[in-house]
Amino acid sequence: MASPTARGRTHASSQIRITGSPEVAAAALAALRTAPGLHVVRVSRPVDGDTPGEVRQYVRLRPASARQTTD
């Protein structure tokens, strides 16, 4: 399940949080990485607070036309 979260310091148009089983999170991230017109800027996983069997990934996105190296 993906839900919008507030923008961060990375130059990004939007940020989403992906939660669910590792398989669901991996599939969602793979779909985002192959989506035309989007560029995945950064993916992070908090170490504390994860439920066993669940992955929380925070993904920052921006339009592919605005690509910059920020990491």
N, C-alpha and C. Protein backbone atom coordinates (compact mmCIF):
# COMPACT_ATOMS: atom_id res chain seq x y z
N MET A 1 0.85 -1.17 0.00
CA MET A 1 0.00 0.00 0.00
C MET A 1 0.90 1.23 0.00
N ALA A 2 0.65 2.14 -0.87
CA ALA A 2 1.44 3.37 -0.94
C ALA A 2 0.57 4.53 -0.48
N SER A 3 1.17 5.41 0.28
CA SER A 3 0.44 6.59 0.73
C SER A 3 1.36 7.80 0.67
N PRO A 4 0.82 8.99 0.36
CA PRO A 4 1.67 10.17 0.27
C PRO A 4 2.13 10.64 1.64
N THR A 5 3.33 11.17 1.69
CA THR A 5 3.87 11.76 2.91
C THR A 5 4.45 13.12 2.55
N ALA A 6 4.82 13.86 3.55
CA ALA A 6 5.33 15.21 3.32
C ALA A 6 6.66 15.18 2.57
N ARG A 7 6.93 16.26 1.82
CA ARG A 7 8.18 16.36 1.08
C ARG A 7 9.35 16.51 2.05
N GLY A 8 10.49 16.01 1.64
CA GLY A 8 11.69 16.10 2.46
C GLY A 8 12.70 17.05 1.87
N ARG A 9 13.96 16.92 2.29
CA ARG A 9 15.02 17.81 1.84
C ARG A 9 15.54 17.46 0.46
N THR A 10 15.35 16.23 0.02
CA THR A 10 15.81 15.84 -1.31
C THR A 10 14.97 16.54 -2.36
N HIS A 11 15.61 16.96 -3.46
CA HIS A 11 14.87 17.60 -4.54
C HIS A 11 13.93 16.57 -5.15
N ALA A 12 12.69 16.62 -4.76
CA ALA A 12 11.71 15.65 -5.24
C ALA A 12 10.36 16.32 -5.36
N SER A 13 9.56 15.79 -6.24
CA SER A 13 8.21 16.31 -6.42
C SER A 13 7.25 15.73 -5.40
N SER A 14 7.47 14.48 -5.02
CA SER A 14 6.58 13.84 -4.07
C SER A 14 7.30 12.72 -3.35
N GLN A 15 6.72 12.30 -2.27
CA GLN A 15 7.28 11.20 -1.49
C GLN A 15 6.14 10.29 -1.11
N ILE A 16 6.36 8.99 -1.20
CA ILE A 16 5.35 8.03 -0.79
C ILE A 16 5.96 7.04 0.19
N ARG A 17 5.11 6.42 0.96
CA ARG A 17 5.54 5.37 1.88
C ARG A 17 4.90 4.07 1.41
N ILE A 18 5.72 3.04 1.25
CA ILE A 18 5.24 1.72 0.85
C ILE A 18 5.31 0.82 2.07
N THR A 19 4.20 0.19 2.43
CA THR A 19 4.20 -0.76 3.54
C THR A 19 3.57 -2.06 3.08
N GLY A 20 3.96 -3.13 3.71
CA GLY A 20 3.39 -4.43 3.38
C GLY A 20 4.44 -5.50 3.51
N SER A 21 4.15 -6.66 2.98
CA SER A 21 5.12 -7.75 3.03
C SER A 21 6.32 -7.38 2.18
N PRO A 22 7.47 -8.02 2.39
CA PRO A 22 8.63 -7.74 1.55
C PRO A 22 8.35 -7.92 0.07
N GLU A 23 7.53 -8.91 -0.28
CA GLU A 23 7.20 -9.16 -1.68
C GLU A 23 6.38 -8.02 -2.28
N VAL A 24 5.39 -7.54 -1.52
CA VAL A 24 4.55 -6.44 -1.99
C VAL A 24 5.38 -5.17 -2.14
N ALA A 25 6.22 -4.87 -1.15
CA ALA A 25 7.05 -3.67 -1.21
C ALA A 25 8.02 -3.73 -2.38
N ALA A 26 8.62 -4.89 -2.62
CA ALA A 26 9.56 -5.04 -3.73
C ALA A 26 8.85 -4.86 -5.07
N ALA A 27 7.65 -5.41 -5.20
CA ALA A 27 6.89 -5.27 -6.45
C ALA A 27 6.49 -3.82 -6.68
N ALA A 28 6.07 -3.13 -5.64
CA ALA A 28 5.68 -1.72 -5.78
C ALA A 28 6.87 -0.87 -6.17
N LEU A 29 8.01 -1.10 -5.54
CA LEU A 29 9.22 -0.33 -5.87
C LEU A 29 9.67 -0.62 -7.29
N ALA A 30 9.61 -1.87 -7.72
CA ALA A 30 9.99 -2.22 -9.09
C ALA A 30 9.07 -1.51 -10.10
N ALA A 31 7.79 -1.45 -9.79
CA ALA A 31 6.85 -0.76 -10.68
C ALA A 31 7.16 0.73 -10.76
N LEU A 32 7.50 1.33 -9.63
CA LEU A 32 7.85 2.76 -9.63
C LEU A 32 9.11 3.02 -10.44
N ARG A 33 10.09 2.12 -10.31
CA ARG A 33 11.36 2.32 -11.03
C ARG A 33 11.20 2.19 -12.54
N THR A 34 10.20 1.46 -12.99
CA THR A 34 10.01 1.29 -14.43
C THR A 34 8.92 2.19 -14.99
N ALA A 35 8.29 2.98 -14.13
CA ALA A 35 7.21 3.87 -14.60
C ALA A 35 7.78 4.96 -15.49
N PRO A 36 7.22 5.11 -16.70
CA PRO A 36 7.71 6.18 -17.57
C PRO A 36 7.39 7.54 -16.96
N GLY A 37 8.35 8.43 -17.05
CA GLY A 37 8.13 9.78 -16.55
C GLY A 37 8.46 9.99 -15.09
N LEU A 38 8.86 8.92 -14.37
CA LEU A 38 9.24 9.07 -12.97
C LEU A 38 10.68 8.66 -12.75
N HIS A 39 11.31 9.30 -11.79
CA HIS A 39 12.67 8.96 -11.40
C HIS A 39 12.68 8.76 -9.89
N VAL A 40 13.11 7.58 -9.43
CA VAL A 40 13.20 7.32 -8.00
C VAL A 40 14.46 8.00 -7.49
N VAL A 41 14.29 8.94 -6.57
CA VAL A 41 15.42 9.72 -6.06
C VAL A 41 16.12 8.98 -4.93
N ARG A 42 15.36 8.54 -3.95
CA ARG A 42 15.96 7.91 -2.78
C ARG A 42 14.97 6.94 -2.17
N VAL A 43 15.49 5.84 -1.65
CA VAL A 43 14.68 4.87 -0.93
C VAL A 43 15.33 4.69 0.42
N SER A 44 14.55 4.77 1.48
CA SER A 44 15.11 4.58 2.81
C SER A 44 14.20 3.66 3.61
N ARG A 45 14.79 2.95 4.54
CA ARG A 45 14.04 2.08 5.43
C ARG A 45 14.41 2.42 6.86
N PRO A 46 13.44 2.78 7.70
CA PRO A 46 13.76 2.98 9.10
C PRO A 46 14.16 1.66 9.75
N VAL A 47 15.14 1.72 10.64
CA VAL A 47 15.60 0.50 11.30
C VAL A 47 14.66 0.13 12.44
N ASP A 48 14.25 1.12 13.23
CA ASP A 48 13.37 0.86 14.37
C ASP A 48 11.91 0.96 13.96
N GLY A 49 11.07 0.17 14.57
CA GLY A 49 9.64 0.28 14.36
C GLY A 49 9.07 -0.61 13.29
N ASP A 50 9.90 -1.35 12.57
CA ASP A 50 9.37 -2.26 11.56
C ASP A 50 8.78 -3.49 12.24
N THR A 51 7.61 -3.87 11.80
CA THR A 51 6.98 -5.09 12.26
C THR A 51 7.62 -6.26 11.53
N PRO A 52 7.91 -7.37 12.22
CA PRO A 52 8.48 -8.52 11.51
C PRO A 52 7.61 -8.91 10.32
N GLY A 53 8.24 -9.11 9.17
CA GLY A 53 7.52 -9.48 7.96
C GLY A 53 6.97 -8.31 7.18
N GLU A 54 7.16 -7.10 7.70
CA GLU A 54 6.67 -5.91 7.01
C GLU A 54 7.85 -5.02 6.64
N VAL A 55 7.76 -4.40 5.50
CA VAL A 55 8.80 -3.48 5.04
C VAL A 55 8.17 -2.10 4.92
N ARG A 56 8.85 -1.11 5.43
CA ARG A 56 8.41 0.27 5.23
C ARG A 56 9.50 0.96 4.43
N GLN A 57 9.15 1.43 3.28
CA GLN A 57 10.11 2.14 2.43
C GLN A 57 9.56 3.51 2.13
N TYR A 58 10.42 4.50 2.23
CA TYR A 58 10.05 5.87 1.90
C TYR A 58 10.71 6.20 0.58
N VAL A 59 9.93 6.47 -0.42
CA VAL A 59 10.43 6.66 -1.77
C VAL A 59 10.15 8.09 -2.20
N ARG A 60 11.17 8.77 -2.65
CA ARG A 60 10.99 10.12 -3.17
C ARG A 60 11.06 10.07 -4.68
N LEU A 61 10.14 10.76 -5.31
CA LEU A 61 10.00 10.72 -6.77
C LEU A 61 10.04 12.12 -7.34
N ARG A 62 10.44 12.22 -8.58
CA ARG A 62 10.32 13.47 -9.32
C ARG A 62 10.15 13.13 -10.78
N PRO A 63 9.62 14.06 -11.56
CA PRO A 63 9.48 13.80 -12.99
C PRO A 63 10.83 13.51 -13.62
N ALA A 64 10.87 12.61 -14.57
CA ALA A 64 12.14 12.24 -15.22
C ALA A 64 12.78 13.45 -15.89
N SER A 65 12.01 14.42 -16.30
CA SER A 65 12.56 15.61 -16.95
C SER A 65 13.34 16.48 -15.98
N ALA A 66 13.20 16.26 -14.67
CA ALA A 66 13.88 17.07 -13.67
C ALA A 66 15.02 16.32 -13.01
N ARG A 67 15.58 15.33 -13.67
CA ARG A 67 16.64 14.51 -13.07
C ARG A 67 17.85 15.34 -12.68
N GLN A 68 18.32 15.10 -11.46
CA GLN A 68 19.55 15.68 -10.94
C GLN A 68 20.17 14.64 -10.05
N THR A 69 21.46 14.73 -9.84
CA THR A 69 22.12 13.83 -8.90
C THR A 69 22.12 14.50 -7.54
N THR A 70 21.44 13.87 -6.55
CA THR A 70 21.38 14.45 -5.22
C THR A 70 22.00 13.55 -4.18
N ASP A 71 22.28 12.30 -4.51
CA ASP A 71 22.83 11.36 -3.54
C ASP A 71 24.28 11.07 -3.83
